[in-house]
Structure formats: C-alpha cells, structure tokens
Amino acid sequence: MEIVKLVVQKRHQSGKGVARRLRRAGQLPAVVYGNGTTLAIVLAEKDLAHIQQSVAGENTILDFVIEGDTPESCQAILREVQIDPVSRASLHADFYRVDMNKSITVTVPLAFINEPLNLLQSAHAMLTHLWREVEITCLPGDIPDGITVDLAHIHPGETFKAGALALPPGVTLVTDAEEVLVTAHVESEAPAASSAEEAEVS
C-alpha cells in the first residue's frame, strides 16, 4: 500500500468567499474527521490530483503533517471530493482519520485477467462484468491496490462469484460471497431458415 506524506495547513476561516479565494490560489478547503474529531484544513489542489491519480487512488494512506499554532500529525484516507457540476472542478475534500492498528472497510477495484476470448467466441458466449469493485475490511497498511479476478477457467454458461476471489493475507471480504461478479453468458444462435423460407427464396 502506497503511503504519501502530505504537508497541509489548519484552516481558521470558512464560507463561500474564503473557499473561492483559496481555489483562486490553487488551494482547496478540506476536513479531516474521525475518532470523534473534525479538523478544517487547506491543501494544494495539485496534491489532491496526485492522490486521485495514484495507483491506490482514494485508498492511498496519507501521512498528514498539519501545520498551525499547534502542529500535529495523523494518517487518513480520502473519502469524498465535492465536484462543481458545471466546471467539474474540485470544491472540497473529506479525509477520514485512520488508526494503522485498527481494521477499516474500503472499496477496492477488480482487475480481470486471462479472459478466454477464443473459447467464448467459438461457443457463442460473451463475458458480462457485473461488478468492477468489491468491499473489503483490513488494516489500513494492508489495503491492496486491487484484487485480481482470474477468468482462465470460466466456461460458457458459468459465473464467477465474489467468494471465489483469491484475497491477499489479512484481507476479509465484506461483499456477499454469493454476489456474481462475471457471467459467461451463452448467446443463442440465429435459427436456421425453414424449408418454406428456403423455397420462397429460391
């Protein structure tokens, strides 16, 4: 799991005017909450973009150094980013404070490999991905960047369920084990022309 050290500042003012001034300066208002506390902070927009573009994305562990009258530090993960519906610019970010010794529940993406395309095509079947992510619980330091779904042995008419996932050590599945992630759906072939239709054509 990627851990990113990030220096931010405590925020003492709030309101739309303050938020606009921060964004014009390339900064973003945010909060860090959890464990019964909420702390208003300011971070650079480029730092938020770096977090979102990292391999772990929202599950990146952030080692915050919070500057201010009483500096402090904590670990957190990104929970939500409010987006302007018109400009699509980031407006505000919420971070959740984590204890590296306590399990948390997060959503991680699925990585599909070994899709048997030749077999499926010859059998008039197609793969349908019903889920692109699953929910798990683990220690923050054990959060995987993703979970592999190996489809090498799926056959037409079969399904791949969440319970069949090979989970990394220390990771527990929260998504229902019976949830179908992928189906190898058999397509019906076009019916043969009837004798009457063949006679009419000829």
C-alpha atoms as a PDB file:
ATOM      1  CA  MET A   1       0.000   0.000   0.000  1.00  0.00           C
ATOM      2  CA  GLU A   2       1.289   3.418  -1.008  1.00  0.00           C
ATOM      3  CA  ILE A   3       1.824   5.937   1.821  1.00  0.00           C
ATOM      4  CA  VAL A   4       2.119   9.606   0.843  1.00  0.00           C
ATOM      5  CA  LYS A   5       3.434  12.264   3.194  1.00  0.00           C
ATOM      6  CA  LEU A   6       1.482  15.488   2.811  1.00  0.00           C
ATOM      7  CA  VAL A   7       2.002  18.878   4.454  1.00  0.00           C
ATOM      8  CA  VAL A   8      -1.243  20.863   4.958  1.00  0.00           C
ATOM      9  CA  GLN A   9      -2.326  23.877   6.985  1.00  0.00           C
ATOM     10  CA  LYS A  10      -5.067  24.302   9.552  1.00  0.00           C
ATOM     11  CA  ARG A  11      -7.977  26.389   8.276  1.00  0.00           C
ATOM     12  CA  HIS A  12      -9.415  29.005  10.655  1.00  0.00           C
ATOM     13  CA  GLN A  13     -11.980  30.589   8.323  1.00  0.00           C
ATOM     14  CA  SER A  14     -14.924  29.171   6.411  1.00  0.00           C
ATOM     15  CA  GLY A  15     -17.590  30.319   3.973  1.00  0.00           C
ATOM     16  CA  LYS A  16     -18.024  30.554   0.212  1.00  0.00           C
ATOM     17  CA  GLY A  17     -15.882  33.682  -0.104  1.00  0.00           C
ATOM     18  CA  VAL A  18     -12.969  32.052   1.698  1.00  0.00           C
ATOM     19  CA  ALA A  19     -13.330  28.894  -0.419  1.00  0.00           C
ATOM     20  CA  ARG A  20     -13.286  30.939  -3.656  1.00  0.00           C
ATOM     21  CA  ARG A  21     -10.136  32.785  -2.595  1.00  0.00           C
ATOM     22  CA  LEU A  22      -8.410  29.510  -1.734  1.00  0.00           C
ATOM     23  CA  ARG A  23      -9.302  27.942  -5.084  1.00  0.00           C
ATOM     24  CA  ARG A  24      -8.071  31.006  -6.981  1.00  0.00           C
ATOM     25  CA  ALA A  25      -4.744  30.495  -5.181  1.00  0.00           C
ATOM     26  CA  GLY A  26      -4.567  26.842  -6.211  1.00  0.00           C
ATOM     27  CA  GLN A  27      -5.657  25.577  -2.814  1.00  0.00           C
ATOM     28  CA  LEU A  28      -8.660  23.603  -1.621  1.00  0.00           C
ATOM     29  CA  PRO A  29     -10.678  23.626   1.631  1.00  0.00           C
ATOM     30  CA  ALA A  30     -10.986  20.226   3.271  1.00  0.00           C
ATOM     31  CA  VAL A  31     -11.723  18.457   6.555  1.00  0.00           C
ATOM     32  CA  VAL A  32     -10.156  15.512   8.361  1.00  0.00           C
ATOM     33  CA  TYR A  33     -12.711  13.682  10.512  1.00  0.00           C
ATOM     34  CA  GLY A  34     -12.873  10.500  12.547  1.00  0.00           C
ATOM     35  CA  ASN A  35     -12.202   9.254  16.091  1.00  0.00           C
ATOM     36  CA  GLY A  36     -14.624  11.886  17.379  1.00  0.00           C
ATOM     37  CA  THR A  37     -12.784  14.884  15.926  1.00  0.00           C
ATOM     38  CA  THR A  38     -13.119  17.141  12.880  1.00  0.00           C
ATOM     39  CA  LEU A  39     -10.308  19.387  11.730  1.00  0.00           C
ATOM     40  CA  ALA A  40     -10.570  22.013   8.966  1.00  0.00           C
ATOM     41  CA  ILE A  41      -7.510  22.141   6.705  1.00  0.00           C
ATOM     42  CA  VAL A  42      -6.201  23.615   3.461  1.00  0.00           C
ATOM     43  CA  LEU A  43      -4.247  21.604   0.894  1.00  0.00           C
ATOM     44  CA  ALA A  44      -2.862  22.264  -2.563  1.00  0.00           C
ATOM     45  CA  GLU A  45      -5.123  21.234  -5.458  1.00  0.00           C
ATOM     46  CA  LYS A  46      -2.135  19.603  -7.161  1.00  0.00           C
ATOM     47  CA  ASP A  47      -1.660  17.354  -4.107  1.00  0.00           C
ATOM     48  CA  LEU A  48      -5.284  16.195  -4.324  1.00  0.00           C
ATOM     49  CA  ALA A  49      -4.841  15.484  -8.037  1.00  0.00           C
ATOM     50  CA  HIS A  50      -1.716  13.437  -7.256  1.00  0.00           C
ATOM     51  CA  ILE A  51      -3.657  11.344  -4.732  1.00  0.00           C
ATOM     52  CA  GLN A  52      -6.506  10.697  -7.166  1.00  0.00           C
ATOM     53  CA  GLN A  53      -4.131   9.718  -9.960  1.00  0.00           C
ATOM     54  CA  SER A  54      -2.029   7.359  -7.837  1.00  0.00           C
ATOM     55  CA  VAL A  55      -2.365   3.590  -8.214  1.00  0.00           C
ATOM     56  CA  ALA A  56      -4.201   3.250  -4.890  1.00  0.00           C
ATOM     57  CA  GLY A  57      -6.446   6.263  -5.610  1.00  0.00           C
ATOM     58  CA  GLU A  58      -8.796   7.021  -2.741  1.00  0.00           C
ATOM     59  CA  ASN A  59      -7.255   4.207  -0.675  1.00  0.00           C
ATOM     60  CA  THR A  60      -3.842   5.894  -0.551  1.00  0.00           C
ATOM     61  CA  ILE A  61      -2.712   6.227   3.064  1.00  0.00           C
ATOM     62  CA  LEU A  62      -1.892   9.888   3.727  1.00  0.00           C
ATOM     63  CA  ASP A  63       0.618  10.759   6.411  1.00  0.00           C
ATOM     64  CA  PHE A  64      -0.576  14.286   7.208  1.00  0.00           C
ATOM     65  CA  VAL A  65       1.714  16.881   8.722  1.00  0.00           C
ATOM     66  CA  ILE A  66      -0.730  19.584   9.832  1.00  0.00           C
ATOM     67  CA  GLU A  67       0.929  22.973  10.314  1.00  0.00           C
ATOM     68  CA  GLY A  68      -0.592  25.660  12.533  1.00  0.00           C
ATOM     69  CA  ASP A  69      -0.478  27.115  16.054  1.00  0.00           C
ATOM     70  CA  THR A  70      -0.342  23.583  17.449  1.00  0.00           C
ATOM     71  CA  PRO A  71       1.152  21.332  14.740  1.00  0.00           C
ATOM     72  CA  GLU A  72       0.065  17.702  14.685  1.00  0.00           C
ATOM     73  CA  SER A  73       0.186  14.637  12.509  1.00  0.00           C
ATOM     74  CA  CYS A  74      -2.213  11.834  11.616  1.00  0.00           C
ATOM     75  CA  GLN A  75      -2.922   9.195   8.990  1.00  0.00           C
ATOM     76  CA  ALA A  76      -6.013   9.434   6.795  1.00  0.00           C
ATOM     77  CA  ILE A  77      -7.559   8.310   3.523  1.00  0.00           C
ATOM     78  CA  LEU A  78      -9.608  10.279   1.008  1.00  0.00           C
ATOM     79  CA  ARG A  79     -13.347   9.704   1.470  1.00  0.00           C
ATOM     80  CA  GLU A  80     -15.098  12.190  -0.822  1.00  0.00           C
ATOM     81  CA  VAL A  81     -14.445  15.068  -3.196  1.00  0.00           C
ATOM     82  CA  GLN A  82     -17.216  17.544  -3.967  1.00  0.00           C
ATOM     83  CA  ILE A  83     -17.202  18.480  -7.669  1.00  0.00           C
ATOM     84  CA  ASP A  84     -18.693  21.533  -9.383  1.00  0.00           C
ATOM     85  CA  PRO A  85     -21.424  20.132 -11.689  1.00  0.00           C
ATOM     86  CA  VAL A  86     -20.619  22.630 -14.453  1.00  0.00           C
ATOM     87  CA  SER A  87     -16.850  23.189 -14.401  1.00  0.00           C
ATOM     88  CA  ARG A  88     -16.053  19.745 -12.893  1.00  0.00           C
ATOM     89  CA  ALA A  89     -13.507  21.497 -10.662  1.00  0.00           C
ATOM     90  CA  SER A  90     -12.873  20.147  -7.159  1.00  0.00           C
ATOM     91  CA  LEU A  91     -14.643  22.223  -4.489  1.00  0.00           C
ATOM     92  CA  HIS A  92     -13.978  20.442  -1.187  1.00  0.00           C
ATOM     93  CA  ALA A  93     -12.405  17.230   0.078  1.00  0.00           C
ATOM     94  CA  ASP A  94     -13.203  14.987   3.040  1.00  0.00           C
ATOM     95  CA  PHE A  95     -10.497  12.824   4.607  1.00  0.00           C
ATOM     96  CA  TYR A  96     -11.109  10.058   7.147  1.00  0.00           C
ATOM     97  CA  ARG A  97      -8.625   9.682  10.009  1.00  0.00           C
ATOM     98  CA  VAL A  98      -7.417   6.087  10.405  1.00  0.00           C
ATOM     99  CA  ASP A  99      -5.645   4.104  13.099  1.00  0.00           C
ATOM    100  CA  MET A 100      -2.981   1.940  11.467  1.00  0.00           C
ATOM    101  CA  ASN A 101      -3.663  -0.742  14.105  1.00  0.00           C
ATOM    102  CA  LYS A 102      -7.429  -0.924  13.540  1.00  0.00           C
ATOM    103  CA  SER A 103      -9.251  -2.511  10.584  1.00  0.00           C
ATOM    104  CA  ILE A 104     -11.340  -0.353   8.258  1.00  0.00           C
ATOM    105  CA  THR A 105     -13.797  -1.115   5.476  1.00  0.00           C
ATOM    106  CA  VAL A 106     -12.941   0.161   1.990  1.00  0.00           C
ATOM    107  CA  THR A 107     -13.857  -0.449  -1.652  1.00  0.00           C
ATOM    108  CA  VAL A 108     -11.138  -1.735  -3.985  1.00  0.00           C
ATOM    109  CA  PRO A 109     -11.185  -2.204  -7.782  1.00  0.00           C
ATOM    110  CA  LEU A 110     -11.148  -5.572  -9.543  1.00  0.00           C
ATOM    111  CA  ALA A 111      -8.503  -6.418 -12.152  1.00  0.00           C
ATOM    112  CA  PHE A 112      -9.710  -9.015 -14.692  1.00  0.00           C
ATOM    113  CA  ILE A 113      -7.088 -11.285 -16.290  1.00  0.00           C
ATOM    114  CA  ASN A 114      -6.968 -14.328 -18.582  1.00  0.00           C
ATOM    115  CA  GLU A 115     -10.322 -13.794 -20.247  1.00  0.00           C
ATOM    116  CA  PRO A 116     -10.782 -16.864 -22.528  1.00  0.00           C
ATOM    117  CA  LEU A 117     -11.862 -14.930 -25.612  1.00  0.00           C
ATOM    118  CA  ASN A 118     -11.260 -17.702 -28.163  1.00  0.00           C
ATOM    119  CA  LEU A 119     -13.276 -20.240 -26.171  1.00  0.00           C
ATOM    120  CA  LEU A 120     -16.138 -17.845 -25.597  1.00  0.00           C
ATOM    121  CA  GLN A 121     -16.297 -16.728 -29.212  1.00  0.00           C
ATOM    122  CA  SER A 122     -16.328 -20.290 -30.518  1.00  0.00           C
ATOM    123  CA  ALA A 123     -19.095 -21.181 -28.075  1.00  0.00           C
ATOM    124  CA  HIS A 124     -21.231 -18.126 -28.973  1.00  0.00           C
ATOM    125  CA  ALA A 125     -20.766 -16.727 -25.475  1.00  0.00           C
ATOM    126  CA  MET A 126     -19.781 -13.361 -24.066  1.00  0.00           C
ATOM    127  CA  LEU A 127     -18.425 -12.155 -20.737  1.00  0.00           C
ATOM    128  CA  THR A 128     -20.507  -9.657 -18.772  1.00  0.00           C
ATOM    129  CA  HIS A 129     -18.797  -7.822 -15.907  1.00  0.00           C
ATOM    130  CA  LEU A 130     -21.460  -7.070 -13.306  1.00  0.00           C
ATOM    131  CA  TRP A 131     -19.107  -5.627 -10.667  1.00  0.00           C
ATOM    132  CA  ARG A 132     -15.924  -3.599 -11.080  1.00  0.00           C
ATOM    133  CA  GLU A 133     -15.114  -3.337  -7.365  1.00  0.00           C
ATOM    134  CA  VAL A 134     -15.737  -5.117  -4.064  1.00  0.00           C
ATOM    135  CA  GLU A 135     -15.852  -4.106  -0.418  1.00  0.00           C
ATOM    136  CA  ILE A 136     -13.265  -5.489   1.991  1.00  0.00           C
ATOM    137  CA  THR A 137     -12.020  -4.974   5.537  1.00  0.00           C
ATOM    138  CA  CYS A 138      -8.375  -4.986   6.674  1.00  0.00           C
ATOM    139  CA  LEU A 139      -5.741  -2.928   8.425  1.00  0.00           C
ATOM    140  CA  PRO A 140      -5.012   0.349   6.585  1.00  0.00           C
ATOM    141  CA  GLY A 141      -1.486  -0.810   5.755  1.00  0.00           C
ATOM    142  CA  ASP A 142      -2.842  -3.998   4.147  1.00  0.00           C
ATOM    143  CA  ILE A 143      -5.243  -2.330   1.688  1.00  0.00           C
ATOM    144  CA  PRO A 144      -4.466  -3.790  -1.759  1.00  0.00           C
ATOM    145  CA  ASP A 145      -4.343  -1.563  -4.833  1.00  0.00           C
ATOM    146  CA  GLY A 146      -6.781  -4.024  -6.435  1.00  0.00           C
ATOM    147  CA  ILE A 147      -7.900  -7.654  -6.393  1.00  0.00           C
ATOM    148  CA  THR A 148      -7.251  -9.946  -9.351  1.00  0.00           C
ATOM    149  CA  VAL A 149     -10.093 -11.908 -10.948  1.00  0.00           C
ATOM    150  CA  ASP A 150      -8.581 -14.827 -12.882  1.00  0.00           C
ATOM    151  CA  LEU A 151     -11.070 -15.923 -15.555  1.00  0.00           C
ATOM    152  CA  ALA A 152      -8.852 -18.581 -17.142  1.00  0.00           C
ATOM    153  CA  HIS A 153     -11.161 -21.422 -16.099  1.00  0.00           C
ATOM    154  CA  ILE A 154     -14.599 -19.891 -16.694  1.00  0.00           C
ATOM    155  CA  HIS A 155     -16.728 -21.736 -19.266  1.00  0.00           C
ATOM    156  CA  PRO A 156     -19.816 -20.700 -21.251  1.00  0.00           C
ATOM    157  CA  GLY A 157     -22.883 -20.698 -19.011  1.00  0.00           C
ATOM    158  CA  GLU A 158     -20.811 -20.294 -15.818  1.00  0.00           C
ATOM    159  CA  THR A 159     -20.423 -17.410 -13.357  1.00  0.00           C
ATOM    160  CA  PHE A 160     -17.607 -16.087 -11.185  1.00  0.00           C
ATOM    161  CA  LYS A 161     -18.756 -15.182  -7.666  1.00  0.00           C
ATOM    162  CA  ALA A 162     -17.129 -12.910  -5.109  1.00  0.00           C
ATOM    163  CA  GLY A 163     -16.466 -15.852  -2.810  1.00  0.00           C
ATOM    164  CA  ALA A 164     -14.061 -17.302  -5.419  1.00  0.00           C
ATOM    165  CA  LEU A 165     -11.685 -14.315  -5.189  1.00  0.00           C
ATOM    166  CA  ALA A 166      -8.133 -15.005  -4.037  1.00  0.00           C
ATOM    167  CA  LEU A 167      -7.744 -12.402  -1.286  1.00  0.00           C
ATOM    168  CA  PRO A 168      -4.370 -11.149  -0.027  1.00  0.00           C
ATOM    169  CA  PRO A 169      -3.327 -12.085   3.542  1.00  0.00           C
ATOM    170  CA  GLY A 170      -5.130 -10.072   6.211  1.00  0.00           C
ATOM    171  CA  VAL A 171      -7.999  -9.089   3.891  1.00  0.00           C
ATOM    172  CA  THR A 172     -11.615 -10.155   4.565  1.00  0.00           C
ATOM    173  CA  LEU A 173     -14.413  -9.913   2.009  1.00  0.00           C
ATOM    174  CA  VAL A 174     -17.398  -7.756   3.007  1.00  0.00           C
ATOM    175  CA  THR A 175     -19.287  -8.044  -0.293  1.00  0.00           C
ATOM    176  CA  ASP A 176     -21.675 -11.043  -0.239  1.00  0.00           C
ATOM    177  CA  ALA A 177     -19.728 -14.165  -1.270  1.00  0.00           C
ATOM    178  CA  GLU A 178     -22.667 -15.194  -3.490  1.00  0.00           C
ATOM    179  CA  GLU A 179     -22.583 -11.931  -5.451  1.00  0.00           C
ATOM    180  CA  VAL A 180     -21.958 -12.696  -9.124  1.00  0.00           C
ATOM    181  CA  LEU A 181     -19.069 -10.630 -10.476  1.00  0.00           C
ATOM    182  CA  VAL A 182     -18.859 -12.032 -14.024  1.00  0.00           C
ATOM    183  CA  THR A 183     -21.103 -14.186 -16.201  1.00  0.00           C
ATOM    184  CA  ALA A 184     -20.136 -16.140 -19.311  1.00  0.00           C
ATOM    185  CA  HIS A 185     -23.483 -15.765 -20.998  1.00  0.00           C
ATOM    186  CA  VAL A 186     -24.286 -18.170 -23.849  1.00  0.00           C
ATOM    187  CA  GLU A 187     -25.817 -16.347 -26.799  1.00  0.00           C
ATOM    188  CA  SER A 188     -28.498 -18.100 -28.807  1.00  0.00           C
ATOM    189  CA  GLU A 189     -27.520 -18.776 -32.407  1.00  0.00           C
ATOM    190  CA  ALA A 190     -29.636 -17.454 -35.262  1.00  0.00           C
ATOM    191  CA  PRO A 191     -32.320 -20.074 -36.083  1.00  0.00           C
ATOM    192  CA  ALA A 192     -31.915 -21.991 -39.344  1.00  0.00           C
ATOM    193  CA  ALA A 193     -34.187 -20.915 -42.198  1.00  0.00           C
ATOM    194  CA  SER A 194     -37.325 -23.048 -42.554  1.00  0.00           C
ATOM    195  CA  SER A 195     -37.971 -25.140 -45.665  1.00  0.00           C
ATOM    196  CA  ALA A 196     -40.788 -22.823 -46.695  1.00  0.00           C
ATOM    197  CA  GLU A 197     -38.489 -19.760 -46.384  1.00  0.00           C
ATOM    198  CA  GLU A 198     -35.778 -21.523 -48.378  1.00  0.00           C
ATOM    199  CA  ALA A 199     -38.259 -22.444 -51.129  1.00  0.00           C
ATOM    200  CA  GLU A 200     -39.527 -18.852 -51.276  1.00  0.00           C
ATOM    201  CA  VAL A 201     -36.002 -17.511 -51.580  1.00  0.00           C
ATOM    202  CA  SER A 202     -35.138 -19.972 -54.335  1.00  0.00           C
END
